[in-house]
Amino acid sequence: MFGMGSLKASFCGHLLTNWMGDEGFVRRLKVDVLEPYIYGDALWVKGKVVDKYKEKIGGTLYSAVDVKIETINQEGQNVAPGTATVYLPSFNNAVQLPIPQ
């Protein structure tokens, strides 16, 4: 076995942070690791926005999107499906931090 589940989860996080840019914020990330990553495996990680909405937390309004993530191996299997919620910057302003629980 080459990589544990945390490796595939980090691939998903990398996909999101590259997509959202430096001024966004990953609010939630959940990855279900279904299969191990064996040496020689190929993985393609892709995401699709499935919902967009406004979320008000602590008096601040955030532009949020829900993302469905797929991690496909060379056999076409989704070996690490996941979901994420990302807060995106609005009007060229970064997401306001800290975000309360």
PDB file of N, CA and C in Angstrom:
ATOM      1  N   MET A   1       0.851  -1.176   0.000  1.00  0.00           N
ATOM      2  CA  MET A   1       0.000   0.000   0.000  1.00  0.00           C
ATOM      3  C   MET A   1       0.900   1.244   0.000  1.00  0.00           C
ATOM      4  N   PHE A   2       0.539   2.208  -0.812  1.00  0.00           N
ATOM      5  CA  PHE A   2       1.364   3.396  -0.950  1.00  0.00           C
ATOM      6  C   PHE A   2       0.884   4.546  -0.087  1.00  0.00           C
ATOM      7  N   GLY A   3      -0.387   4.825  -0.084  1.00  0.00           N
ATOM      8  CA  GLY A   3      -0.884   5.993   0.638  1.00  0.00           C
ATOM      9  C   GLY A   3      -2.108   5.670   1.462  1.00  0.00           C
ATOM     10  N   MET A   4      -2.197   6.306   2.580  1.00  0.00           N
ATOM     11  CA  MET A   4      -3.352   6.122   3.449  1.00  0.00           C
ATOM     12  C   MET A   4      -4.466   7.100   3.034  1.00  0.00           C
ATOM     13  N   GLY A   5      -5.574   7.043   3.744  1.00  0.00           N
ATOM     14  CA  GLY A   5      -6.726   7.870   3.409  1.00  0.00           C
ATOM     15  C   GLY A   5      -6.465   9.359   3.473  1.00  0.00           C
ATOM     16  N   SER A   6      -5.590   9.757   4.372  1.00  0.00           N
ATOM     17  CA  SER A   6      -5.316  11.190   4.504  1.00  0.00           C
ATOM     18  C   SER A   6      -4.684  11.764   3.239  1.00  0.00           C
ATOM     19  N   LEU A   7      -4.001  10.943   2.463  1.00  0.00           N
ATOM     20  CA  LEU A   7      -3.409  11.416   1.209  1.00  0.00           C
ATOM     21  C   LEU A   7      -4.504  11.812   0.226  1.00  0.00           C
ATOM     22  N   LYS A   8      -5.530  10.974   0.092  1.00  0.00           N
ATOM     23  CA  LYS A   8      -6.627  11.303  -0.823  1.00  0.00           C
ATOM     24  C   LYS A   8      -7.419  12.511  -0.328  1.00  0.00           C
ATOM     25  N   ALA A   9      -7.597  12.626   0.980  1.00  0.00           N
ATOM     26  CA  ALA A   9      -8.287  13.790   1.533  1.00  0.00           C
ATOM     27  C   ALA A   9      -7.496  15.063   1.245  1.00  0.00           C
ATOM     28  N   SER A  10      -6.171  14.980   1.321  1.00  0.00           N
ATOM     29  CA  SER A  10      -5.354  16.166   1.035  1.00  0.00           C
ATOM     30  C   SER A  10      -5.434  16.534  -0.447  1.00  0.00           C
ATOM     31  N   PHE A  11      -5.561  15.544  -1.342  1.00  0.00           N
ATOM     32  CA  PHE A  11      -5.765  15.842  -2.760  1.00  0.00           C
ATOM     33  C   PHE A  11      -7.052  16.639  -2.955  1.00  0.00           C
ATOM     34  N   CYS A  12      -8.107  16.265  -2.228  1.00  0.00           N
ATOM     35  CA  CYS A  12      -9.389  16.972  -2.327  1.00  0.00           C
ATOM     36  C   CYS A  12      -9.256  18.404  -1.806  1.00  0.00           C
ATOM     37  N   GLY A  13      -8.554  18.564  -0.691  1.00  0.00           N
ATOM     38  CA  GLY A  13      -8.316  19.900  -0.149  1.00  0.00           C
ATOM     39  C   GLY A  13      -7.513  20.761  -1.104  1.00  0.00           C
ATOM     40  N   HIS A  14      -6.538  20.160  -1.758  1.00  0.00           N
ATOM     41  CA  HIS A  14      -5.709  20.878  -2.731  1.00  0.00           C
ATOM     42  C   HIS A  14      -6.562  21.351  -3.909  1.00  0.00           C
ATOM     43  N   LEU A  15      -7.456  20.494  -4.386  1.00  0.00           N
ATOM     44  CA  LEU A  15      -8.360  20.871  -5.475  1.00  0.00           C
ATOM     45  C   LEU A  15      -9.182  22.100  -5.092  1.00  0.00           C
ATOM     46  N   LEU A  16      -9.749  22.071  -3.888  1.00  0.00           N
ATOM     47  CA  LEU A  16     -10.599  23.180  -3.443  1.00  0.00           C
ATOM     48  C   LEU A  16      -9.828  24.482  -3.283  1.00  0.00           C
ATOM     49  N   THR A  17      -8.669  24.426  -2.625  1.00  0.00           N
ATOM     50  CA  THR A  17      -7.926  25.657  -2.383  1.00  0.00           C
ATOM     51  C   THR A  17      -7.368  26.256  -3.666  1.00  0.00           C
ATOM     52  N   ASN A  18      -7.005  25.428  -4.634  1.00  0.00           N
ATOM     53  CA  ASN A  18      -6.578  25.961  -5.926  1.00  0.00           C
ATOM     54  C   ASN A  18      -7.738  26.636  -6.639  1.00  0.00           C
ATOM     55  N   TRP A  19      -8.924  26.063  -6.534  1.00  0.00           N
ATOM     56  CA  TRP A  19     -10.092  26.601  -7.214  1.00  0.00           C
ATOM     57  C   TRP A  19     -10.583  27.892  -6.571  1.00  0.00           C
ATOM     58  N   MET A  20     -10.662  27.946  -5.250  1.00  0.00           N
ATOM     59  CA  MET A  20     -11.258  29.102  -4.571  1.00  0.00           C
ATOM     60  C   MET A  20     -10.310  30.291  -4.488  1.00  0.00           C
ATOM     61  N   GLY A  21      -9.012  30.071  -4.571  1.00  0.00           N
ATOM     62  CA  GLY A  21      -8.043  31.154  -4.483  1.00  0.00           C
ATOM     63  C   GLY A  21      -7.655  31.473  -3.053  1.00  0.00           C
ATOM     64  N   ASP A  22      -6.782  32.446  -2.908  1.00  0.00           N
ATOM     65  CA  ASP A  22      -6.233  32.795  -1.600  1.00  0.00           C
ATOM     66  C   ASP A  22      -7.230  33.500  -0.687  1.00  0.00           C
ATOM     67  N   GLU A  23      -8.293  34.039  -1.242  1.00  0.00           N
ATOM     68  CA  GLU A  23      -9.219  34.834  -0.432  1.00  0.00           C
ATOM     69  C   GLU A  23     -10.481  34.077  -0.026  1.00  0.00           C
ATOM     70  N   GLY A  24     -10.579  32.798  -0.388  1.00  0.00           N
ATOM     71  CA  GLY A  24     -11.704  31.972   0.010  1.00  0.00           C
ATOM     72  C   GLY A  24     -11.391  31.211   1.293  1.00  0.00           C
ATOM     73  N   PHE A  25     -12.349  30.393   1.726  1.00  0.00           N
ATOM     74  CA  PHE A  25     -12.191  29.640   2.972  1.00  0.00           C
ATOM     75  C   PHE A  25     -12.940  28.313   2.860  1.00  0.00           C
ATOM     76  N   VAL A  26     -12.254  27.203   3.146  1.00  0.00           N
ATOM     77  CA  VAL A  26     -12.913  25.900   3.171  1.00  0.00           C
ATOM     78  C   VAL A  26     -13.569  25.747   4.542  1.00  0.00           C
ATOM     79  N   ARG A  27     -14.891  25.781   4.569  1.00  0.00           N
ATOM     80  CA  ARG A  27     -15.625  25.690   5.838  1.00  0.00           C
ATOM     81  C   ARG A  27     -15.752  24.237   6.306  1.00  0.00           C
ATOM     82  N   ARG A  28     -16.096  23.345   5.386  1.00  0.00           N
ATOM     83  CA  ARG A  28     -16.245  21.928   5.714  1.00  0.00           C
ATOM     84  C   ARG A  28     -15.665  21.087   4.581  1.00  0.00           C
ATOM     85  N   LEU A  29     -15.040  19.969   4.946  1.00  0.00           N
ATOM     86  CA  LEU A  29     -14.543  19.004   3.968  1.00  0.00           C
ATOM     87  C   LEU A  29     -14.728  17.617   4.558  1.00  0.00           C
ATOM     88  N   LYS A  30     -15.455  16.770   3.832  1.00  0.00           N
ATOM     89  CA  LYS A  30     -15.687  15.394   4.269  1.00  0.00           C
ATOM     90  C   LYS A  30     -15.332  14.481   3.113  1.00  0.00           C
ATOM     91  N   VAL A  31     -14.441  13.517   3.367  1.00  0.00           N
ATOM     92  CA  VAL A  31     -14.024  12.563   2.348  1.00  0.00           C
ATOM     93  C   VAL A  31     -14.194  11.158   2.912  1.00  0.00           C
ATOM     94  N   ASP A  32     -14.893  10.302   2.169  1.00  0.00           N
ATOM     95  CA  ASP A  32     -15.056   8.898   2.547  1.00  0.00           C
ATOM     96  C   ASP A  32     -14.037   8.076   1.771  1.00  0.00           C
ATOM     97  N   VAL A  33     -13.084   7.493   2.467  1.00  0.00           N
ATOM     98  CA  VAL A  33     -12.040   6.695   1.820  1.00  0.00           C
ATOM     99  C   VAL A  33     -12.545   5.266   1.700  1.00  0.00           C
ATOM    100  N   LEU A  34     -12.810   4.842   0.462  1.00  0.00           N
ATOM    101  CA  LEU A  34     -13.392   3.532   0.225  1.00  0.00           C
ATOM    102  C   LEU A  34     -12.353   2.476  -0.157  1.00  0.00           C
ATOM    103  N   GLU A  35     -11.268   2.889  -0.778  1.00  0.00           N
ATOM    104  CA  GLU A  35     -10.231   1.968  -1.245  1.00  0.00           C
ATOM    105  C   GLU A  35      -8.860   2.554  -0.943  1.00  0.00           C
ATOM    106  N   PRO A  36      -7.844   1.687  -0.745  1.00  0.00           N
ATOM    107  CA  PRO A  36      -6.489   2.200  -0.525  1.00  0.00           C
ATOM    108  C   PRO A  36      -5.883   2.730  -1.826  1.00  0.00           C
ATOM    109  N   TYR A  37      -4.853   3.509  -1.680  1.00  0.00           N
ATOM    110  CA  TYR A  37      -4.105   4.041  -2.819  1.00  0.00           C
ATOM    111  C   TYR A  37      -2.852   3.182  -2.960  1.00  0.00           C
ATOM    112  N   ILE A  38      -2.824   2.369  -3.985  1.00  0.00           N
ATOM    113  CA  ILE A  38      -1.731   1.419  -4.212  1.00  0.00           C
ATOM    114  C   ILE A  38      -0.692   2.067  -5.131  1.00  0.00           C
ATOM    115  N   TYR A  39       0.569   1.747  -4.899  1.00  0.00           N
ATOM    116  CA  TYR A  39       1.642   2.265  -5.755  1.00  0.00           C
ATOM    117  C   TYR A  39       1.331   1.933  -7.215  1.00  0.00           C
ATOM    118  N   GLY A  40       1.371   2.936  -8.071  1.00  0.00           N
ATOM    119  CA  GLY A  40       1.072   2.764  -9.480  1.00  0.00           C
ATOM    120  C   GLY A  40      -0.339   3.177  -9.863  1.00  0.00           C
ATOM    121  N   ASP A  41      -1.203   3.398  -8.876  1.00  0.00           N
ATOM    122  CA  ASP A  41      -2.560   3.858  -9.176  1.00  0.00           C
ATOM    123  C   ASP A  41      -2.526   5.275  -9.742  1.00  0.00           C
ATOM    124  N   ALA A  42      -3.483   5.562 -10.591  1.00  0.00           N
ATOM    125  CA  ALA A  42      -3.685   6.920 -11.086  1.00  0.00           C
ATOM    126  C   ALA A  42      -4.954   7.464 -10.432  1.00  0.00           C
ATOM    127  N   LEU A  43      -4.938   8.727 -10.082  1.00  0.00           N
ATOM    128  CA  LEU A  43      -6.113   9.354  -9.479  1.00  0.00           C
ATOM    129  C   LEU A  43      -6.418  10.668 -10.184  1.00  0.00           C
ATOM    130  N   TRP A  44      -7.700  10.888 -10.449  1.00  0.00           N
ATOM    131  CA  TRP A  44      -8.175  12.155 -10.981  1.00  0.00           C
ATOM    132  C   TRP A  44      -9.176  12.702  -9.979  1.00  0.00           C
ATOM    133  N   VAL A  45      -8.935  13.899  -9.516  1.00  0.00           N
ATOM    134  CA  VAL A  45      -9.816  14.520  -8.532  1.00  0.00           C
ATOM    135  C   VAL A  45     -10.568  15.650  -9.228  1.00  0.00           C
ATOM    136  N   LYS A  46     -11.897  15.610  -9.105  1.00  0.00           N
ATOM    137  CA  LYS A  46     -12.695  16.660  -9.726  1.00  0.00           C
ATOM    138  C   LYS A  46     -13.835  17.039  -8.798  1.00  0.00           C
ATOM    139  N   GLY A  47     -14.297  18.263  -8.955  1.00  0.00           N
ATOM    140  CA  GLY A  47     -15.382  18.746  -8.122  1.00  0.00           C
ATOM    141  C   GLY A  47     -16.439  19.444  -8.956  1.00  0.00           C
ATOM    142  N   LYS A  48     -17.648  19.472  -8.410  1.00  0.00           N
ATOM    143  CA  LYS A  48     -18.758  20.119  -9.097  1.00  0.00           C
ATOM    144  C   LYS A  48     -19.576  20.888  -8.070  1.00  0.00           C
ATOM    145  N   VAL A  49     -19.845  22.153  -8.360  1.00  0.00           N
ATOM    146  CA  VAL A  49     -20.693  22.960  -7.480  1.00  0.00           C
ATOM    147  C   VAL A  49     -22.130  22.466  -7.637  1.00  0.00           C
ATOM    148  N   VAL A  50     -22.725  22.053  -6.513  1.00  0.00           N
ATOM    149  CA  VAL A  50     -24.092  21.523  -6.545  1.00  0.00           C
ATOM    150  C   VAL A  50     -25.108  22.476  -5.919  1.00  0.00           C
ATOM    151  N   ASP A  51     -24.643  23.483  -5.189  1.00  0.00           N
ATOM    152  CA  ASP A  51     -25.551  24.449  -4.583  1.00  0.00           C
ATOM    153  C   ASP A  51     -24.776  25.716  -4.250  1.00  0.00           C
ATOM    154  N   LYS A  52     -25.433  26.850  -4.359  1.00  0.00           N
ATOM    155  CA  LYS A  52     -24.842  28.119  -3.928  1.00  0.00           C
ATOM    156  C   LYS A  52     -25.883  28.899  -3.154  1.00  0.00           C
ATOM    157  N   TYR A  53     -25.443  29.565  -2.089  1.00  0.00           N
ATOM    158  CA  TYR A  53     -26.376  30.241  -1.192  1.00  0.00           C
ATOM    159  C   TYR A  53     -25.608  31.227  -0.313  1.00  0.00           C
ATOM    160  N   LYS A  54     -26.351  32.010   0.450  1.00  0.00           N
ATOM    161  CA  LYS A  54     -25.778  32.926   1.436  1.00  0.00           C
ATOM    162  C   LYS A  54     -25.963  32.303   2.812  1.00  0.00           C
ATOM    163  N   GLU A  55     -24.962  32.430   3.658  1.00  0.00           N
ATOM    164  CA  GLU A  55     -25.025  31.886   5.013  1.00  0.00           C
ATOM    165  C   GLU A  55     -24.632  32.988   5.984  1.00  0.00           C
ATOM    166  N   LYS A  56     -25.517  33.271   6.947  1.00  0.00           N
ATOM    167  CA  LYS A  56     -25.245  34.317   7.921  1.00  0.00           C
ATOM    168  C   LYS A  56     -24.774  33.678   9.224  1.00  0.00           C
ATOM    169  N   ILE A  57     -23.579  34.078   9.649  1.00  0.00           N
ATOM    170  CA  ILE A  57     -22.995  33.562  10.887  1.00  0.00           C
ATOM    171  C   ILE A  57     -22.439  34.744  11.663  1.00  0.00           C
ATOM    172  N   GLY A  58     -22.896  34.892  12.902  1.00  0.00           N
ATOM    173  CA  GLY A  58     -22.385  35.959  13.763  1.00  0.00           C
ATOM    174  C   GLY A  58     -22.513  37.348  13.180  1.00  0.00           C
ATOM    175  N   GLY A  59     -23.571  37.603  12.431  1.00  0.00           N
ATOM    176  CA  GLY A  59     -23.782  38.922  11.870  1.00  0.00           C
ATOM    177  C   GLY A  59     -23.078  39.168  10.541  1.00  0.00           C
ATOM    178  N   THR A  60     -22.320  38.202  10.042  1.00  0.00           N
ATOM    179  CA  THR A  60     -21.628  38.329   8.767  1.00  0.00           C
ATOM    180  C   THR A  60     -22.279  37.416   7.743  1.00  0.00           C
ATOM    181  N   LEU A  61     -22.498  37.929   6.538  1.00  0.00           N
ATOM    182  CA  LEU A  61     -23.102  37.164   5.463  1.00  0.00           C
ATOM    183  C   LEU A  61     -22.001  36.624   4.551  1.00  0.00           C
ATOM    184  N   TYR A  62     -21.989  35.303   4.358  1.00  0.00           N
ATOM    185  CA  TYR A  62     -20.974  34.645   3.538  1.00  0.00           C
ATOM    186  C   TYR A  62     -21.608  34.081   2.275  1.00  0.00           C
ATOM    187  N   SER A  63     -20.890  34.182   1.161  1.00  0.00           N
ATOM    188  CA  SER A  63     -21.302  33.542  -0.090  1.00  0.00           C
ATOM    189  C   SER A  63     -20.752  32.126  -0.071  1.00  0.00           C
ATOM    190  N   ALA A  64     -21.645  31.143   0.021  1.00  0.00           N
ATOM    191  CA  ALA A  64     -21.218  29.758   0.181  1.00  0.00           C
ATOM    192  C   ALA A  64     -21.602  28.919  -1.029  1.00  0.00           C
ATOM    193  N   VAL A  65     -20.795  27.901  -1.291  1.00  0.00           N
ATOM    194  CA  VAL A  65     -21.117  26.893  -2.298  1.00  0.00           C
ATOM    195  C   VAL A  65     -20.861  25.516  -1.694  1.00  0.00           C
ATOM    196  N   ASP A  66     -21.707  24.576  -2.076  1.00  0.00           N
ATOM    197  CA  ASP A  66     -21.487  23.177  -1.724  1.00  0.00           C
ATOM    198  C   ASP A  66     -20.900  22.489  -2.949  1.00  0.00           C
ATOM    199  N   VAL A  67     -19.871  21.683  -2.718  1.00  0.00           N
ATOM    200  CA  VAL A  67     -19.148  21.029  -3.800  1.00  0.00           C
ATOM    201  C   VAL A  67     -19.191  19.520  -3.593  1.00  0.00           C
ATOM    202  N   LYS A  68     -19.493  18.802  -4.671  1.00  0.00           N
ATOM    203  CA  LYS A  68     -19.411  17.346  -4.669  1.00  0.00           C
ATOM    204  C   LYS A  68     -18.058  16.972  -5.275  1.00  0.00           C
ATOM    205  N   ILE A  69     -17.313  16.117  -4.568  1.00  0.00           N
ATOM    206  CA  ILE A  69     -15.955  15.763  -4.996  1.00  0.00           C
ATOM    207  C   ILE A  69     -15.907  14.287  -5.371  1.00  0.00           C
ATOM    208  N   GLU A  70     -15.212  13.991  -6.468  1.00  0.00           N
ATOM    209  CA  GLU A  70     -14.979  12.617  -6.885  1.00  0.00           C
ATOM    210  C   GLU A  70     -13.484  12.404  -7.048  1.00  0.00           C
ATOM    211  N   THR A  71     -13.010  11.269  -6.572  1.00  0.00           N
ATOM    212  CA  THR A  71     -11.613  10.863  -6.753  1.00  0.00           C
ATOM    213  C   THR A  71     -11.649   9.545  -7.516  1.00  0.00           C
ATOM    214  N   ILE A  72     -11.377   9.602  -8.800  1.00  0.00           N
ATOM    215  CA  ILE A  72     -11.542   8.464  -9.703  1.00  0.00           C
ATOM    216  C   ILE A  72     -10.181   7.800  -9.955  1.00  0.00           C
ATOM    217  N   ASN A  73     -10.135   6.470  -9.818  1.00  0.00           N
ATOM    218  CA  ASN A  73      -8.887   5.756 -10.115  1.00  0.00           C
ATOM    219  C   ASN A  73      -8.867   5.304 -11.575  1.00  0.00           C
ATOM    220  N   GLN A  74      -7.816   4.601 -11.960  1.00  0.00           N
ATOM    221  CA  GLN A  74      -7.632   4.189 -13.355  1.00  0.00           C
ATOM    222  C   GLN A  74      -8.677   3.173 -13.814  1.00  0.00           C
ATOM    223  N   GLU A  75      -9.413   2.588 -12.886  1.00  0.00           N
ATOM    224  CA  GLU A  75     -10.474   1.641 -13.237  1.00  0.00           C
ATOM    225  C   GLU A  75     -11.849   2.314 -13.299  1.00  0.00           C
ATOM    226  N   GLY A  76     -11.888   3.621 -13.103  1.00  0.00           N
ATOM    227  CA  GLY A  76     -13.133   4.362 -13.166  1.00  0.00           C
ATOM    228  C   GLY A  76     -13.944   4.342 -11.884  1.00  0.00           C
ATOM    229  N   GLN A  77     -13.361   3.850 -10.799  1.00  0.00           N
ATOM    230  CA  GLN A  77     -14.052   3.783  -9.517  1.00  0.00           C
ATOM    231  C   GLN A  77     -13.865   5.075  -8.738  1.00  0.00           C
ATOM    232  N   ASN A  78     -14.926   5.529  -8.088  1.00  0.00           N
ATOM    233  CA  ASN A  78     -14.837   6.689  -7.206  1.00  0.00           C
ATOM    234  C   ASN A  78     -14.362   6.176  -5.849  1.00  0.00           C
ATOM    235  N   VAL A  79     -13.060   6.233  -5.608  1.00  0.00           N
ATOM    236  CA  VAL A  79     -12.464   5.605  -4.421  1.00  0.00           C
ATOM    237  C   VAL A  79     -12.474   6.510  -3.194  1.00  0.00           C
ATOM    238  N   ALA A  80     -12.807   7.778  -3.363  1.00  0.00           N
ATOM    239  CA  ALA A  80     -12.870   8.698  -2.224  1.00  0.00           C
ATOM    240  C   ALA A  80     -13.870   9.815  -2.518  1.00  0.00           C
ATOM    241  N   PRO A  81     -15.176   9.503  -2.478  1.00  0.00           N
ATOM    242  CA  PRO A  81     -16.166  10.558  -2.699  1.00  0.00           C
ATOM    243  C   PRO A  81     -16.186  11.525  -1.520  1.00  0.00           C
ATOM    244  N   GLY A  82     -16.524  12.757  -1.801  1.00  0.00           N
ATOM    245  CA  GLY A  82     -16.544  13.734  -0.720  1.00  0.00           C
ATOM    246  C   GLY A  82     -17.480  14.888  -0.996  1.00  0.00           C
ATOM    247  N   THR A  83     -17.644  15.698   0.034  1.00  0.00           N
ATOM    248  CA  THR A  83     -18.423  16.922  -0.074  1.00  0.00           C
ATOM    249  C   THR A  83     -17.671  18.030   0.646  1.00  0.00           C
ATOM    250  N   ALA A  84     -17.944  19.257   0.250  1.00  0.00           N
ATOM    251  CA  ALA A  84     -17.290  20.397   0.889  1.00  0.00           C
ATOM    252  C   ALA A  84     -18.209  21.607   0.827  1.00  0.00           C
ATOM    253  N   THR A  85     -18.009  22.505   1.777  1.00  0.00           N
ATOM    254  CA  THR A  85     -18.638  23.816   1.753  1.00  0.00           C
ATOM    255  C   THR A  85     -17.511  24.839   1.721  1.00  0.00           C
ATOM    256  N   VAL A  86     -17.569  25.723   0.746  1.00  0.00           N
ATOM    257  CA  VAL A  86     -16.529  26.728   0.558  1.00  0.00           C
ATOM    258  C   VAL A  86     -17.162  28.106   0.605  1.00  0.00           C
ATOM    259  N   TYR A  87     -16.551  29.008   1.370  1.00  0.00           N
ATOM    260  CA  TYR A  87     -16.964  30.413   1.370  1.00  0.00           C
ATOM    261  C   TYR A  87     -16.089  31.143   0.357  1.00  0.00           C
ATOM    262  N   LEU A  88     -16.738  31.820  -0.564  1.00  0.00           N
ATOM    263  CA  LEU A  88     -16.017  32.523  -1.626  1.00  0.00           C
ATOM    264  C   LEU A  88     -15.968  34.016  -1.340  1.00  0.00           C
ATOM    265  N   PRO A  89     -14.906  34.678  -1.798  1.00  0.00           N
ATOM    266  CA  PRO A  89     -14.840  36.130  -1.616  1.00  0.00           C
ATOM    267  C   PRO A  89     -15.899  36.808  -2.477  1.00  0.00           C
ATOM    268  N   SER A  90     -16.324  37.977  -2.041  1.00  0.00           N
ATOM    269  CA  SER A  90     -17.291  38.736  -2.827  1.00  0.00           C
ATOM    270  C   SER A  90     -16.753  40.136  -3.085  1.00  0.00           C
ATOM    271  N   PHE A  91     -16.989  40.618  -4.292  1.00  0.00           N
ATOM    272  CA  PHE A  91     -16.548  41.956  -4.691  1.00  0.00           C
ATOM    273  C   PHE A  91     -15.059  42.165  -4.422  1.00  0.00           C
ATOM    274  N   ASN A  92     -14.255  41.163  -4.720  1.00  0.00           N
ATOM    275  CA  ASN A  92     -12.800  41.201  -4.564  1.00  0.00           C
ATOM    276  C   ASN A  92     -12.350  41.422  -3.125  1.00  0.00           C
ATOM    277  N   ASN A  93     -13.187  41.053  -2.168  1.00  0.00           N
ATOM    278  CA  ASN A  93     -12.829  41.122  -0.752  1.00  0.00           C
ATOM    279  C   ASN A  93     -12.679  39.704  -0.227  1.00  0.00           C
ATOM    280  N   ALA A  94     -11.665  39.492   0.567  1.00  0.00           N
ATOM    281  CA  ALA A  94     -11.433  38.173   1.150  1.00  0.00           C
ATOM    282  C   ALA A  94     -12.545  37.818   2.125  1.00  0.00           C
ATOM    283  N   VAL A  95     -12.707  36.532   2.381  1.00  0.00           N
ATOM    284  CA  VAL A  95     -13.661  36.071   3.385  1.00  0.00           C
ATOM    285  C   VAL A  95     -13.205  36.588   4.737  1.00  0.00           C
ATOM    286  N   GLN A  96     -14.138  37.163   5.484  1.00  0.00           N
ATOM    287  CA  GLN A  96     -13.808  37.772   6.770  1.00  0.00           C
ATOM    288  C   GLN A  96     -13.556  36.707   7.831  1.00  0.00           C
ATOM    289  N   LEU A  97     -12.376  36.733   8.405  1.00  0.00           N
ATOM    290  CA  LEU A  97     -12.007  35.776   9.456  1.00  0.00           C
ATOM    291  C   LEU A  97     -11.836  36.508  10.776  1.00  0.00           C
ATOM    292  N   PRO A  98     -12.002  35.884  11.913  1.00  0.00           N
ATOM    293  CA  PRO A  98     -12.350  34.475  12.090  1.00  0.00           C
ATOM    294  C   PRO A  98     -13.842  34.256  11.906  1.00  0.00           C
ATOM    295  N   ILE A  99     -14.198  33.017  11.578  1.00  0.00           N
ATOM    296  CA  ILE A  99     -15.580  32.618  11.415  1.00  0.00           C
ATOM    297  C   ILE A  99     -16.002  31.893  12.681  1.00  0.00           C
ATOM    298  N   PRO A 100     -17.031  32.386  13.381  1.00  0.00           N
ATOM    299  CA  PRO A 100     -17.448  31.712  14.613  1.00  0.00           C
ATOM    300  C   PRO A 100     -18.032  30.340  14.333  1.00  0.00           C
ATOM    301  N   GLN A 101     -18.021  29.492  15.358  1.00  0.00           N
ATOM    302  CA  GLN A 101     -18.581  28.141  15.221  1.00  0.00           C
ATOM    303  C   GLN A 101     -20.015  28.280  15.066  1.00  0.00           C
TER     304      GLN A 101
END
